[in-house]
Amino acid sequence: MKNKASVDQSLSVSFSKYMEKYNEMYVSLAKRIKENIKESIKKPLIVDLSAGPGFLSYELNKILPNAKIIGLDPSINMIKLANDKLYTCKECNLVLSKVENIPLPRSSSDIVVSRFGISSWDDPKRGLSEVYRILKYEGKVVLEVLNKDYPKLKLFLMKLHMLVKGADYKVIRYNMDCYKVAFSLSQTEDLLNDVGFKIINKEEQAKDWKFLIIAVKE
């Protein structure tokens, strides 16, 4: 079992404050998710795994106001922050849960998304099996993943950048710890294929710090 970074109240608050500076990343991902929902689905059910402080769910609610959004996170501290962020969202529900045991019925969801969550899951293969279970036929999973193959020199420069941008030491250490358990594109493809997904899109620049991968349940 891989060691996972814990998220206490102090880290949750510091992480949320730091990521507010990079809201455009959540906006961009929300747009990509919208592109992968069929127009014929008038009220999609979106599941946001490892939802953190709720930034992605918030942006999804802005561009998909008719969607029902369920955000899951194993940290009660993140759930509290997400509740504050999403207090105006009538179709948003937050659930304290690990991805390995998603409390949703089989074939109930139109799309499942996770931004960097897979690095923190206790059992990624089991987690993706749960994603497969709750997705409807032709439902999609959209994963933004920290890249294990990101060069160590660039990772060091990222750490310096975070310092310059005023990141708390706990946030920097948490970010670096997440890279220790990150996945390569090929590893993520293998996991998705093993579970039964069909990969339909991959977006990766050579040795970039992250990549996007989209798969469908057939």
N, C-alpha and C. Protein backbone atom coordinates (compact mmCIF):
# COMPACT_ATOMS: atom_id res chain seq x y z
N MET A 1 0.84 -1.19 0.00
CA MET A 1 0.00 0.00 0.00
C MET A 1 0.88 1.24 0.00
N LYS A 2 0.61 2.18 -0.88
CA LYS A 2 1.39 3.41 -0.92
C LYS A 2 1.03 4.31 0.26
N ASN A 3 2.02 5.08 0.72
CA ASN A 3 1.75 6.07 1.75
C ASN A 3 1.10 7.28 1.11
N LYS A 4 0.02 7.76 1.72
CA LYS A 4 -0.71 8.91 1.19
C LYS A 4 -0.58 10.09 2.14
N ALA A 5 -0.49 11.28 1.57
CA ALA A 5 -0.40 12.48 2.41
C ALA A 5 -1.73 12.74 3.08
N SER A 6 -1.71 13.01 4.38
CA SER A 6 -2.93 13.30 5.12
C SER A 6 -3.29 14.78 4.94
N VAL A 7 -4.58 15.08 5.16
CA VAL A 7 -5.07 16.45 4.96
C VAL A 7 -5.75 16.91 6.25
N ASP A 8 -5.01 17.65 7.10
CA ASP A 8 -5.61 18.16 8.32
C ASP A 8 -6.25 19.52 8.05
N GLN A 9 -6.84 20.11 9.07
CA GLN A 9 -7.58 21.36 8.88
C GLN A 9 -6.67 22.48 8.39
N SER A 10 -5.48 22.60 8.97
CA SER A 10 -4.56 23.66 8.58
C SER A 10 -4.15 23.53 7.12
N LEU A 11 -3.82 22.32 6.70
CA LEU A 11 -3.43 22.09 5.31
C LEU A 11 -4.61 22.37 4.37
N SER A 12 -5.80 21.96 4.76
CA SER A 12 -6.99 22.18 3.92
C SER A 12 -7.19 23.66 3.64
N VAL A 13 -7.11 24.46 4.68
CA VAL A 13 -7.31 25.91 4.54
C VAL A 13 -6.20 26.53 3.70
N SER A 14 -4.96 26.16 3.98
CA SER A 14 -3.82 26.71 3.23
C SER A 14 -3.88 26.32 1.76
N PHE A 15 -4.23 25.06 1.50
CA PHE A 15 -4.35 24.58 0.12
C PHE A 15 -5.43 25.35 -0.63
N SER A 16 -6.57 25.55 0.02
CA SER A 16 -7.68 26.26 -0.61
C SER A 16 -7.29 27.69 -0.96
N LYS A 17 -6.64 28.36 -0.04
CA LYS A 17 -6.23 29.76 -0.28
C LYS A 17 -5.23 29.85 -1.42
N TYR A 18 -4.31 28.90 -1.49
CA TYR A 18 -3.30 28.93 -2.54
C TYR A 18 -3.93 28.66 -3.90
N MET A 19 -4.82 27.68 -3.98
CA MET A 19 -5.40 27.31 -5.27
C MET A 19 -6.38 28.35 -5.79
N GLU A 20 -6.85 29.25 -4.95
CA GLU A 20 -7.70 30.35 -5.42
C GLU A 20 -6.97 31.20 -6.45
N LYS A 21 -5.65 31.19 -6.41
CA LYS A 21 -4.85 31.98 -7.36
C LYS A 21 -4.84 31.36 -8.76
N TYR A 22 -5.29 30.12 -8.87
CA TYR A 22 -5.22 29.39 -10.14
C TYR A 22 -6.59 28.91 -10.59
N ASN A 23 -7.57 29.77 -10.41
CA ASN A 23 -8.95 29.39 -10.74
C ASN A 23 -9.12 29.04 -12.21
N GLU A 24 -8.29 29.63 -13.09
CA GLU A 24 -8.44 29.38 -14.52
C GLU A 24 -8.24 27.90 -14.87
N MET A 25 -7.50 27.16 -14.04
CA MET A 25 -7.30 25.74 -14.30
C MET A 25 -8.60 24.96 -14.10
N TYR A 26 -9.37 25.37 -13.12
CA TYR A 26 -10.66 24.72 -12.87
C TYR A 26 -11.67 25.10 -13.95
N VAL A 27 -11.62 26.35 -14.38
CA VAL A 27 -12.51 26.81 -15.46
C VAL A 27 -12.24 26.01 -16.73
N SER A 28 -10.95 25.85 -17.07
CA SER A 28 -10.57 25.13 -18.28
C SER A 28 -11.02 23.68 -18.23
N LEU A 29 -10.82 23.02 -17.08
CA LEU A 29 -11.22 21.62 -16.96
C LEU A 29 -12.74 21.48 -17.01
N ALA A 30 -13.45 22.40 -16.40
CA ALA A 30 -14.92 22.35 -16.43
C ALA A 30 -15.43 22.43 -17.87
N LYS A 31 -14.79 23.25 -18.69
CA LYS A 31 -15.19 23.36 -20.09
C LYS A 31 -14.96 22.04 -20.83
N ARG A 32 -13.85 21.38 -20.55
CA ARG A 32 -13.56 20.10 -21.20
C ARG A 32 -14.58 19.04 -20.79
N ILE A 33 -14.98 19.09 -19.53
CA ILE A 33 -15.98 18.15 -19.05
C ILE A 33 -17.31 18.39 -19.75
N LYS A 34 -17.69 19.64 -19.89
CA LYS A 34 -18.94 19.98 -20.58
C LYS A 34 -18.93 19.46 -22.01
N GLU A 35 -17.79 19.55 -22.68
CA GLU A 35 -17.68 19.06 -24.05
C GLU A 35 -17.92 17.56 -24.17
N ASN A 36 -17.74 16.85 -23.07
CA ASN A 36 -17.87 15.39 -23.09
C ASN A 36 -19.22 14.90 -22.55
N ILE A 37 -20.17 15.81 -22.42
CA ILE A 37 -21.53 15.43 -22.03
C ILE A 37 -22.43 15.64 -23.23
N LYS A 38 -23.15 14.62 -23.62
CA LYS A 38 -24.03 14.72 -24.78
C LYS A 38 -25.10 15.80 -24.56
N GLU A 39 -25.37 16.56 -25.62
CA GLU A 39 -26.38 17.61 -25.53
C GLU A 39 -27.76 17.04 -25.23
N SER A 40 -27.98 15.79 -25.59
CA SER A 40 -29.27 15.16 -25.35
C SER A 40 -29.53 14.90 -23.86
N ILE A 41 -28.47 14.95 -23.05
CA ILE A 41 -28.62 14.74 -21.60
C ILE A 41 -28.92 16.10 -20.97
N LYS A 42 -30.16 16.35 -20.65
CA LYS A 42 -30.58 17.68 -20.18
C LYS A 42 -30.24 17.94 -18.72
N LYS A 43 -30.19 16.88 -17.92
CA LYS A 43 -29.88 17.04 -16.49
C LYS A 43 -28.87 15.97 -16.09
N PRO A 44 -27.62 16.15 -16.49
CA PRO A 44 -26.61 15.12 -16.22
C PRO A 44 -26.28 15.02 -14.73
N LEU A 45 -25.93 13.81 -14.33
CA LEU A 45 -25.40 13.60 -12.99
C LEU A 45 -23.89 13.50 -13.09
N ILE A 46 -23.21 14.46 -12.46
CA ILE A 46 -21.75 14.53 -12.49
C ILE A 46 -21.22 14.18 -11.11
N VAL A 47 -20.26 13.29 -11.07
CA VAL A 47 -19.62 12.92 -9.80
C VAL A 47 -18.19 13.45 -9.81
N ASP A 48 -17.89 14.30 -8.83
CA ASP A 48 -16.57 14.91 -8.70
C ASP A 48 -15.83 14.19 -7.57
N LEU A 49 -14.87 13.33 -7.95
CA LEU A 49 -14.14 12.55 -6.97
C LEU A 49 -12.93 13.30 -6.44
N SER A 50 -12.67 13.14 -5.13
CA SER A 50 -11.60 13.91 -4.48
C SER A 50 -11.83 15.39 -4.75
N ALA A 51 -13.04 15.84 -4.41
CA ALA A 51 -13.50 17.18 -4.77
C ALA A 51 -12.76 18.31 -4.07
N GLY A 52 -12.06 17.99 -2.98
CA GLY A 52 -11.30 19.01 -2.28
C GLY A 52 -12.18 20.16 -1.80
N PRO A 53 -11.71 21.41 -1.95
CA PRO A 53 -12.48 22.55 -1.47
C PRO A 53 -13.62 22.97 -2.40
N GLY A 54 -13.90 22.17 -3.43
CA GLY A 54 -15.09 22.41 -4.23
C GLY A 54 -14.93 23.33 -5.42
N PHE A 55 -13.70 23.67 -5.79
CA PHE A 55 -13.50 24.63 -6.88
C PHE A 55 -14.01 24.12 -8.22
N LEU A 56 -13.73 22.85 -8.52
CA LEU A 56 -14.18 22.30 -9.80
C LEU A 56 -15.70 22.16 -9.83
N SER A 57 -16.28 21.68 -8.77
CA SER A 57 -17.74 21.56 -8.70
C SER A 57 -18.40 22.93 -8.87
N TYR A 58 -17.79 23.95 -8.30
CA TYR A 58 -18.31 25.30 -8.42
C TYR A 58 -18.34 25.76 -9.87
N GLU A 59 -17.24 25.53 -10.59
CA GLU A 59 -17.18 25.93 -11.99
C GLU A 59 -18.11 25.10 -12.86
N LEU A 60 -18.26 23.83 -12.54
CA LEU A 60 -19.20 22.99 -13.27
C LEU A 60 -20.63 23.48 -13.09
N ASN A 61 -20.97 23.90 -11.90
CA ASN A 61 -22.30 24.42 -11.63
C ASN A 61 -22.56 25.71 -12.41
N LYS A 62 -21.54 26.52 -12.60
CA LYS A 62 -21.69 27.78 -13.33
C LYS A 62 -21.99 27.54 -14.81
N ILE A 63 -21.31 26.56 -15.43
CA ILE A 63 -21.50 26.37 -16.87
C ILE A 63 -22.54 25.28 -17.18
N LEU A 64 -22.91 24.50 -16.15
CA LEU A 64 -23.93 23.45 -16.33
C LEU A 64 -24.95 23.58 -15.19
N PRO A 65 -25.72 24.67 -15.17
CA PRO A 65 -26.62 24.92 -14.04
C PRO A 65 -27.72 23.87 -13.88
N ASN A 66 -28.01 23.11 -14.92
CA ASN A 66 -29.04 22.08 -14.82
C ASN A 66 -28.50 20.74 -14.32
N ALA A 67 -27.21 20.64 -14.19
CA ALA A 67 -26.60 19.37 -13.78
C ALA A 67 -26.74 19.17 -12.27
N LYS A 68 -26.84 17.90 -11.89
CA LYS A 68 -26.75 17.53 -10.49
C LYS A 68 -25.30 17.11 -10.24
N ILE A 69 -24.68 17.70 -9.24
CA ILE A 69 -23.27 17.46 -8.97
C ILE A 69 -23.11 16.85 -7.59
N ILE A 70 -22.43 15.72 -7.54
CA ILE A 70 -22.13 15.07 -6.27
C ILE A 70 -20.62 15.08 -6.08
N GLY A 71 -20.16 15.74 -5.04
CA GLY A 71 -18.74 15.82 -4.75
C GLY A 71 -18.38 14.89 -3.61
N LEU A 72 -17.40 14.03 -3.83
CA LEU A 72 -16.94 13.10 -2.80
C LEU A 72 -15.51 13.44 -2.38
N ASP A 73 -15.27 13.34 -1.09
CA ASP A 73 -13.91 13.54 -0.59
C ASP A 73 -13.78 12.79 0.74
N PRO A 74 -12.62 12.18 1.01
CA PRO A 74 -12.43 11.44 2.26
C PRO A 74 -12.06 12.33 3.44
N SER A 75 -11.86 13.63 3.20
CA SER A 75 -11.44 14.55 4.26
C SER A 75 -12.61 15.42 4.72
N ILE A 76 -12.97 15.32 5.98
CA ILE A 76 -14.05 16.14 6.52
C ILE A 76 -13.70 17.62 6.45
N ASN A 77 -12.40 17.92 6.54
CA ASN A 77 -11.98 19.32 6.46
C ASN A 77 -12.22 19.89 5.07
N MET A 78 -11.94 19.10 4.03
CA MET A 78 -12.21 19.54 2.66
C MET A 78 -13.72 19.65 2.41
N ILE A 79 -14.49 18.73 2.96
CA ILE A 79 -15.94 18.78 2.80
C ILE A 79 -16.50 20.07 3.39
N LYS A 80 -16.00 20.48 4.54
CA LYS A 80 -16.47 21.72 5.17
C LYS A 80 -16.16 22.92 4.29
N LEU A 81 -14.95 22.96 3.72
CA LEU A 81 -14.59 24.07 2.83
C LEU A 81 -15.44 24.06 1.57
N ALA A 82 -15.68 22.88 1.02
CA ALA A 82 -16.51 22.78 -0.17
C ALA A 82 -17.95 23.21 0.11
N ASN A 83 -18.46 22.89 1.28
CA ASN A 83 -19.80 23.34 1.66
C ASN A 83 -19.90 24.85 1.65
N ASP A 84 -18.87 25.51 2.15
CA ASP A 84 -18.84 26.97 2.14
C ASP A 84 -18.79 27.52 0.72
N LYS A 85 -18.03 26.85 -0.14
CA LYS A 85 -17.87 27.30 -1.52
C LYS A 85 -19.16 27.11 -2.32
N LEU A 86 -19.89 26.05 -2.02
CA LEU A 86 -21.03 25.66 -2.84
C LEU A 86 -22.37 25.96 -2.19
N TYR A 87 -22.40 26.88 -1.25
CA TYR A 87 -23.64 27.10 -0.49
C TYR A 87 -24.79 27.62 -1.35
N THR A 88 -24.49 28.22 -2.49
CA THR A 88 -25.55 28.72 -3.38
C THR A 88 -25.98 27.69 -4.41
N CYS A 89 -25.30 26.56 -4.47
CA CYS A 89 -25.60 25.54 -5.48
C CYS A 89 -26.67 24.59 -4.95
N LYS A 90 -27.88 24.71 -5.47
CA LYS A 90 -28.99 23.89 -5.00
C LYS A 90 -28.89 22.44 -5.48
N GLU A 91 -28.15 22.21 -6.56
CA GLU A 91 -28.04 20.86 -7.12
C GLU A 91 -26.69 20.22 -6.80
N CYS A 92 -26.01 20.74 -5.79
CA CYS A 92 -24.72 20.18 -5.39
C CYS A 92 -24.87 19.46 -4.05
N ASN A 93 -24.34 18.25 -3.98
CA ASN A 93 -24.35 17.48 -2.75
C ASN A 93 -22.94 16.99 -2.46
N LEU A 94 -22.52 17.11 -1.22
CA LEU A 94 -21.19 16.69 -0.82
C LEU A 94 -21.27 15.48 0.10
N VAL A 95 -20.39 14.53 -0.16
CA VAL A 95 -20.43 13.26 0.57
C VAL A 95 -19.03 12.93 1.08
N LEU A 96 -18.95 12.59 2.36
CA LEU A 96 -17.69 12.15 2.95
C LEU A 96 -17.51 10.68 2.61
N SER A 97 -16.58 10.40 1.69
CA SER A 97 -16.43 9.01 1.23
C SER A 97 -15.11 8.83 0.51
N LYS A 98 -14.58 7.61 0.60
CA LYS A 98 -13.43 7.23 -0.21
C LYS A 98 -13.91 6.70 -1.55
N VAL A 99 -13.07 6.82 -2.55
CA VAL A 99 -13.45 6.40 -3.89
C VAL A 99 -13.59 4.88 -4.01
N GLU A 100 -12.95 4.16 -3.11
CA GLU A 100 -13.02 2.70 -3.17
C GLU A 100 -14.39 2.15 -2.76
N ASN A 101 -15.24 3.02 -2.23
CA ASN A 101 -16.58 2.58 -1.82
C ASN A 101 -17.56 3.73 -2.04
N ILE A 102 -17.87 4.00 -3.30
CA ILE A 102 -18.73 5.14 -3.64
C ILE A 102 -20.19 4.80 -3.32
N PRO A 103 -20.85 5.60 -2.49
CA PRO A 103 -22.22 5.30 -2.07
C PRO A 103 -23.27 5.74 -3.09
N LEU A 104 -23.14 5.23 -4.31
CA LEU A 104 -24.09 5.53 -5.38
C LEU A 104 -24.49 4.23 -6.08
N PRO A 105 -25.71 4.18 -6.63
CA PRO A 105 -26.16 2.95 -7.30
C PRO A 105 -25.41 2.66 -8.58
N ARG A 106 -25.45 1.44 -9.01
CA ARG A 106 -24.87 1.02 -10.27
C ARG A 106 -25.53 1.77 -11.44
N SER A 107 -24.75 2.17 -12.42
CA SER A 107 -25.24 2.81 -13.65
C SER A 107 -26.12 4.03 -13.37
N SER A 108 -25.65 4.87 -12.44
CA SER A 108 -26.45 6.04 -12.04
C SER A 108 -25.87 7.37 -12.53
N SER A 109 -24.63 7.37 -13.01
CA SER A 109 -23.93 8.63 -13.29
C SER A 109 -23.63 8.78 -14.78
N ASP A 110 -23.69 10.01 -15.25
CA ASP A 110 -23.40 10.29 -16.66
C ASP A 110 -21.91 10.53 -16.90
N ILE A 111 -21.25 11.17 -15.94
CA ILE A 111 -19.83 11.45 -16.11
C ILE A 111 -19.18 11.55 -14.73
N VAL A 112 -17.98 11.01 -14.61
CA VAL A 112 -17.21 11.05 -13.37
C VAL A 112 -15.91 11.78 -13.66
N VAL A 113 -15.56 12.69 -12.79
CA VAL A 113 -14.35 13.50 -13.01
C VAL A 113 -13.49 13.48 -11.75
N SER A 114 -12.20 13.66 -11.96
CA SER A 114 -11.31 13.79 -10.83
C SER A 114 -10.07 14.58 -11.25
N ARG A 115 -9.80 15.61 -10.50
CA ARG A 115 -8.61 16.43 -10.77
C ARG A 115 -7.53 16.07 -9.75
N PHE A 116 -6.54 15.32 -10.21
CA PHE A 116 -5.38 14.92 -9.42
C PHE A 116 -5.73 13.99 -8.27
N GLY A 117 -6.96 13.50 -8.23
CA GLY A 117 -7.37 12.67 -7.10
C GLY A 117 -6.73 11.30 -7.06
N ILE A 118 -6.46 10.73 -8.24
CA ILE A 118 -6.01 9.34 -8.29
C ILE A 118 -4.72 9.11 -7.51
N SER A 119 -3.89 10.14 -7.38
CA SER A 119 -2.64 9.99 -6.62
C SER A 119 -2.90 9.80 -5.13
N SER A 120 -4.06 10.19 -4.65
CA SER A 120 -4.36 10.09 -3.22
C SER A 120 -5.23 8.90 -2.87
N TRP A 121 -5.69 8.14 -3.88
CA TRP A 121 -6.56 7.00 -3.61
C TRP A 121 -5.77 5.85 -3.00
N ASP A 122 -6.37 5.18 -2.03
CA ASP A 122 -5.70 4.04 -1.40
C ASP A 122 -5.48 2.90 -2.39
N ASP A 123 -6.47 2.65 -3.24
CA ASP A 123 -6.40 1.54 -4.19
C ASP A 123 -6.97 2.03 -5.52
N PRO A 124 -6.12 2.60 -6.39
CA PRO A 124 -6.60 3.20 -7.64
C PRO A 124 -7.39 2.24 -8.53
N LYS A 125 -6.96 0.98 -8.61
CA LYS A 125 -7.69 0.04 -9.47
C LYS A 125 -9.09 -0.22 -8.93
N ARG A 126 -9.19 -0.40 -7.63
CA ARG A 126 -10.51 -0.60 -7.03
C ARG A 126 -11.36 0.66 -7.19
N GLY A 127 -10.72 1.82 -7.04
CA GLY A 127 -11.44 3.08 -7.21
C GLY A 127 -12.01 3.21 -8.61
N LEU A 128 -11.21 2.89 -9.62
CA LEU A 128 -11.68 2.97 -11.00
C LEU A 128 -12.75 1.91 -11.28
N SER A 129 -12.68 0.78 -10.60
CA SER A 129 -13.73 -0.23 -10.74
C SER A 129 -15.05 0.32 -10.20
N GLU A 130 -14.98 1.08 -9.12
CA GLU A 130 -16.18 1.73 -8.59
C GLU A 130 -16.71 2.78 -9.56
N VAL A 131 -15.81 3.52 -10.17
CA VAL A 131 -16.21 4.50 -11.19
C VAL A 131 -16.94 3.79 -12.32
N TYR A 132 -16.39 2.69 -12.78
CA TYR A 132 -17.03 1.91 -13.85
C TYR A 132 -18.42 1.45 -13.43
N ARG A 133 -18.54 1.02 -12.18
CA ARG A 133 -19.81 0.50 -11.68
C ARG A 133 -20.90 1.57 -11.69
N ILE A 134 -20.57 2.79 -11.27
CA ILE A 134 -21.61 3.82 -11.12
C ILE A 134 -21.93 4.54 -12.43
N LEU A 135 -21.08 4.37 -13.45
CA LEU A 135 -21.33 5.03 -14.72
C LEU A 135 -22.41 4.30 -15.53
N LYS A 136 -23.20 5.07 -16.25
CA LYS A 136 -24.16 4.51 -17.19
C LYS A 136 -23.41 3.99 -18.42
N TYR A 137 -24.09 3.21 -19.22
CA TYR A 137 -23.53 2.78 -20.50
C TYR A 137 -23.19 4.01 -21.33
N GLU A 138 -21.99 4.04 -21.87
CA GLU A 138 -21.43 5.16 -22.63
C GLU A 138 -21.15 6.39 -21.75
N GLY A 139 -21.19 6.19 -20.44
CA GLY A 139 -20.76 7.25 -19.54
C GLY A 139 -19.24 7.40 -19.59
N LYS A 140 -18.75 8.57 -19.23
CA LYS A 140 -17.32 8.86 -19.36
C LYS A 140 -16.67 9.20 -18.03
N VAL A 141 -15.38 8.91 -17.97
CA VAL A 141 -14.56 9.34 -16.85
C VAL A 141 -13.49 10.27 -17.40
N VAL A 142 -13.34 11.43 -16.75
CA VAL A 142 -12.35 12.43 -17.14
C VAL A 142 -11.37 12.59 -15.99
N LEU A 143 -10.12 12.24 -16.26
CA LEU A 143 -9.09 12.29 -15.22
C LEU A 143 -8.00 13.29 -15.60
N GLU A 144 -7.73 14.22 -14.70
CA GLU A 144 -6.54 15.05 -14.83
C GLU A 144 -5.55 14.50 -13.80
N VAL A 145 -4.36 14.16 -14.25
CA VAL A 145 -3.44 13.36 -13.45
C VAL A 145 -2.07 14.01 -13.35
N LEU A 146 -1.51 14.03 -12.15
CA LEU A 146 -0.12 14.46 -11.98
C LEU A 146 0.79 13.46 -12.68
N ASN A 147 1.77 13.98 -13.41
CA ASN A 147 2.61 13.14 -14.27
C ASN A 147 3.86 12.64 -13.53
N LYS A 148 3.92 11.33 -13.34
CA LYS A 148 5.06 10.71 -12.69
C LYS A 148 6.37 10.99 -13.43
N ASP A 149 6.29 11.17 -14.74
CA ASP A 149 7.48 11.37 -15.56
C ASP A 149 7.93 12.82 -15.63
N TYR A 150 7.32 13.68 -14.84
CA TYR A 150 7.74 15.08 -14.81
C TYR A 150 9.18 15.15 -14.28
N PRO A 151 10.10 15.79 -15.01
CA PRO A 151 11.51 15.80 -14.61
C PRO A 151 11.75 16.37 -13.23
N LYS A 152 12.69 15.79 -12.51
CA LYS A 152 12.97 16.22 -11.13
C LYS A 152 13.45 17.67 -11.06
N LEU A 153 14.19 18.11 -12.06
CA LEU A 153 14.65 19.49 -12.07
C LEU A 153 13.45 20.44 -12.16
N LYS A 154 12.50 20.11 -13.04
CA LYS A 154 11.31 20.95 -13.17
C LYS A 154 10.45 20.90 -11.90
N LEU A 155 10.46 19.76 -11.24
CA LEU A 155 9.72 19.64 -9.99
C LEU A 155 10.34 20.54 -8.92
N PHE A 156 11.66 20.62 -8.92
CA PHE A 156 12.35 21.52 -7.98
C PHE A 156 12.01 22.97 -8.30
N LEU A 157 11.97 23.31 -9.59
CA LEU A 157 11.61 24.67 -9.99
C LEU A 157 10.16 24.98 -9.63
N MET A 158 9.29 23.97 -9.70
CA MET A 158 7.90 24.16 -9.28
C MET A 158 7.84 24.51 -7.80
N LYS A 159 8.66 23.82 -7.03
CA LYS A 159 8.71 24.09 -5.59
C LYS A 159 9.14 25.53 -5.33
N LEU A 160 10.13 26.00 -6.06
CA LEU A 160 10.57 27.39 -5.91
C LEU A 160 9.46 28.36 -6.32
N HIS A 161 8.76 28.02 -7.40
CA HIS A 161 7.65 28.86 -7.87
C HIS A 161 6.57 28.97 -6.79
N MET A 162 6.26 27.86 -6.15
CA MET A 162 5.25 27.87 -5.10
C MET A 162 5.70 28.74 -3.92
N LEU A 163 6.97 28.69 -3.61
CA LEU A 163 7.50 29.55 -2.54
C LEU A 163 7.33 31.02 -2.88
N VAL A 164 7.68 31.36 -4.12
CA VAL A 164 7.57 32.75 -4.57
C VAL A 164 6.11 33.21 -4.55
N LYS A 165 5.19 32.31 -4.87
CA LYS A 165 3.77 32.64 -4.91
C LYS A 165 3.11 32.61 -3.53
N GLY A 166 3.91 32.38 -2.51
CA GLY A 166 3.40 32.47 -1.15
C GLY A 166 2.74 31.22 -0.62
N ALA A 167 3.05 30.07 -1.20
CA ALA A 167 2.45 28.82 -0.71
C ALA A 167 2.99 28.48 0.67
N ASP A 168 2.11 28.04 1.53
CA ASP A 168 2.49 27.57 2.85
C ASP A 168 3.38 26.33 2.71
N TYR A 169 4.30 26.14 3.65
CA TYR A 169 5.21 24.99 3.57
C TYR A 169 4.45 23.67 3.53
N LYS A 170 3.33 23.61 4.28
CA LYS A 170 2.54 22.37 4.28
C LYS A 170 1.98 22.07 2.90
N VAL A 171 1.59 23.10 2.18
CA VAL A 171 1.04 22.93 0.84
C VAL A 171 2.13 22.43 -0.11
N ILE A 172 3.31 23.01 0.00
CA ILE A 172 4.43 22.59 -0.86
C ILE A 172 4.78 21.13 -0.58
N ARG A 173 4.88 20.77 0.68
CA ARG A 173 5.23 19.39 1.03
C ARG A 173 4.15 18.43 0.55
N TYR A 174 2.89 18.82 0.70
CA TYR A 174 1.79 17.97 0.23
C TYR A 174 1.88 17.76 -1.28
N ASN A 175 2.16 18.83 -2.01
CA ASN A 175 2.28 18.73 -3.46
C ASN A 175 3.43 17.80 -3.86
N MET A 176 4.56 17.96 -3.20
CA MET A 176 5.70 17.10 -3.50
C MET A 176 5.41 15.64 -3.14
N ASP A 177 4.70 15.42 -2.04
CA ASP A 177 4.34 14.06 -1.64
C ASP A 177 3.40 13.41 -2.66
N CYS A 178 2.51 14.22 -3.23
CA CYS A 178 1.59 13.69 -4.25
C CYS A 178 2.36 13.22 -5.48
N TYR A 179 3.43 13.92 -5.84
CA TYR A 179 4.23 13.50 -6.99
C TYR A 179 4.96 12.18 -6.72
N LYS A 180 5.23 11.89 -5.44
CA LYS A 180 5.90 10.64 -5.11
C LYS A 180 5.02 9.44 -5.43
N VAL A 181 3.71 9.63 -5.44
CA VAL A 181 2.78 8.53 -5.73
C VAL A 181 2.00 8.81 -7.01
N ALA A 182 2.56 9.65 -7.88
CA ALA A 182 1.90 10.00 -9.14
C ALA A 182 1.96 8.84 -10.12
N PHE A 183 1.20 8.97 -11.21
CA PHE A 183 1.15 7.94 -12.24
C PHE A 183 1.64 8.48 -13.58
N SER A 184 2.24 7.62 -14.36
CA SER A 184 2.59 7.97 -15.73
C SER A 184 1.35 7.78 -16.59
N LEU A 185 1.40 8.29 -17.82
CA LEU A 185 0.29 8.12 -18.74
C LEU A 185 0.05 6.64 -19.03
N SER A 186 1.13 5.90 -19.25
CA SER A 186 0.98 4.48 -19.57
C SER A 186 0.40 3.70 -18.39
N GLN A 187 0.78 4.03 -17.18
CA GLN A 187 0.24 3.36 -16.00
C GLN A 187 -1.26 3.63 -15.87
N THR A 188 -1.65 4.87 -16.14
CA THR A 188 -3.06 5.23 -16.05
C THR A 188 -3.87 4.52 -17.14
N GLU A 189 -3.30 4.45 -18.34
CA GLU A 189 -3.96 3.71 -19.42
C GLU A 189 -4.16 2.25 -19.03
N ASP A 190 -3.14 1.64 -18.46
CA ASP A 190 -3.23 0.24 -18.07
C ASP A 190 -4.33 0.02 -17.03
N LEU A 191 -4.42 0.93 -16.06
CA LEU A 191 -5.45 0.82 -15.04
C LEU A 191 -6.84 0.90 -15.65
N LEU A 192 -7.05 1.86 -16.53
CA LEU A 192 -8.35 2.03 -17.17
C LEU A 192 -8.70 0.82 -18.03
N ASN A 193 -7.74 0.33 -18.78
CA ASN A 193 -7.98 -0.84 -19.63
C ASN A 193 -8.29 -2.08 -18.81
N ASP A 194 -7.57 -2.25 -17.71
CA ASP A 194 -7.78 -3.41 -16.86
C ASP A 194 -9.20 -3.45 -16.28
N VAL A 195 -9.73 -2.27 -15.98
CA VAL A 195 -11.08 -2.18 -15.40
C VAL A 195 -12.15 -2.42 -16.45
N GLY A 196 -11.83 -2.11 -17.73
CA GLY A 196 -12.80 -2.33 -18.80
C GLY A 196 -13.16 -1.09 -19.59
N PHE A 197 -12.54 0.03 -19.29
CA PHE A 197 -12.81 1.26 -20.01
C PHE A 197 -12.16 1.24 -21.40
N LYS A 198 -12.74 2.02 -22.31
CA LYS A 198 -12.13 2.29 -23.61
C LYS A 198 -11.63 3.72 -23.61
N ILE A 199 -10.34 3.91 -23.79
CA ILE A 199 -9.76 5.26 -23.79
C ILE A 199 -10.08 5.94 -25.11
N ILE A 200 -10.62 7.15 -25.04
CA ILE A 200 -11.02 7.86 -26.24
C ILE A 200 -10.23 9.15 -26.48
N ASN A 201 -9.51 9.61 -25.48
CA ASN A 201 -8.73 10.83 -25.68
C ASN A 201 -7.60 10.91 -24.66
N LYS A 202 -6.43 11.33 -25.14
CA LYS A 202 -5.28 11.54 -24.27
C LYS A 202 -4.64 12.87 -24.65
N GLU A 203 -4.34 13.67 -23.66
CA GLU A 203 -3.71 14.97 -23.92
C GLU A 203 -2.49 15.10 -23.01
N GLU A 204 -1.32 15.06 -23.64
CA GLU A 204 -0.09 15.15 -22.86
C GLU A 204 0.99 15.80 -23.72
N GLN A 205 1.63 16.80 -23.17
CA GLN A 205 2.82 17.34 -23.80
C GLN A 205 4.02 16.64 -23.19
N ALA A 206 5.09 16.51 -23.94
CA ALA A 206 6.24 15.75 -23.49
C ALA A 206 6.72 16.20 -22.11
N LYS A 207 6.66 15.29 -21.16
CA LYS A 207 7.15 15.52 -19.81
C LYS A 207 6.55 16.77 -19.17
N ASP A 208 5.25 17.00 -19.43
CA ASP A 208 4.53 18.08 -18.78
C ASP A 208 4.21 17.67 -17.34
N TRP A 209 3.76 18.62 -16.51
CA TRP A 209 3.53 18.33 -15.10
C TRP A 209 2.23 17.57 -14.86
N LYS A 210 1.36 17.52 -15.88
CA LYS A 210 0.10 16.81 -15.76
C LYS A 210 -0.34 16.32 -17.13
N PHE A 211 -1.36 15.48 -17.14
CA PHE A 211 -1.97 15.07 -18.40
C PHE A 211 -3.45 14.82 -18.18
N LEU A 212 -4.20 14.81 -19.27
CA LEU A 212 -5.64 14.56 -19.24
C LEU A 212 -5.92 13.27 -20.00
N ILE A 213 -6.79 12.45 -19.45
CA ILE A 213 -7.16 11.22 -20.12
C ILE A 213 -8.66 11.00 -19.94
N ILE A 214 -9.33 10.63 -21.03
CA ILE A 214 -10.79 10.46 -21.02
C ILE A 214 -11.10 9.05 -21.53
N ALA A 215 -11.99 8.36 -20.81
CA ALA A 215 -12.36 7.00 -21.20
C ALA A 215 -13.87 6.84 -21.08
N VAL A 216 -14.39 5.84 -21.82
CA VAL A 216 -15.83 5.62 -21.86
C VAL A 216 -16.15 4.19 -21.42
N LYS A 217 -17.29 4.02 -20.78
CA LYS A 217 -17.79 2.70 -20.42
C LYS A 217 -18.63 2.15 -21.57
N GLU A 218 -18.22 1.00 -22.08
CA GLU A 218 -18.95 0.38 -23.18
C GLU A 218 -19.75 -0.83 -22.71
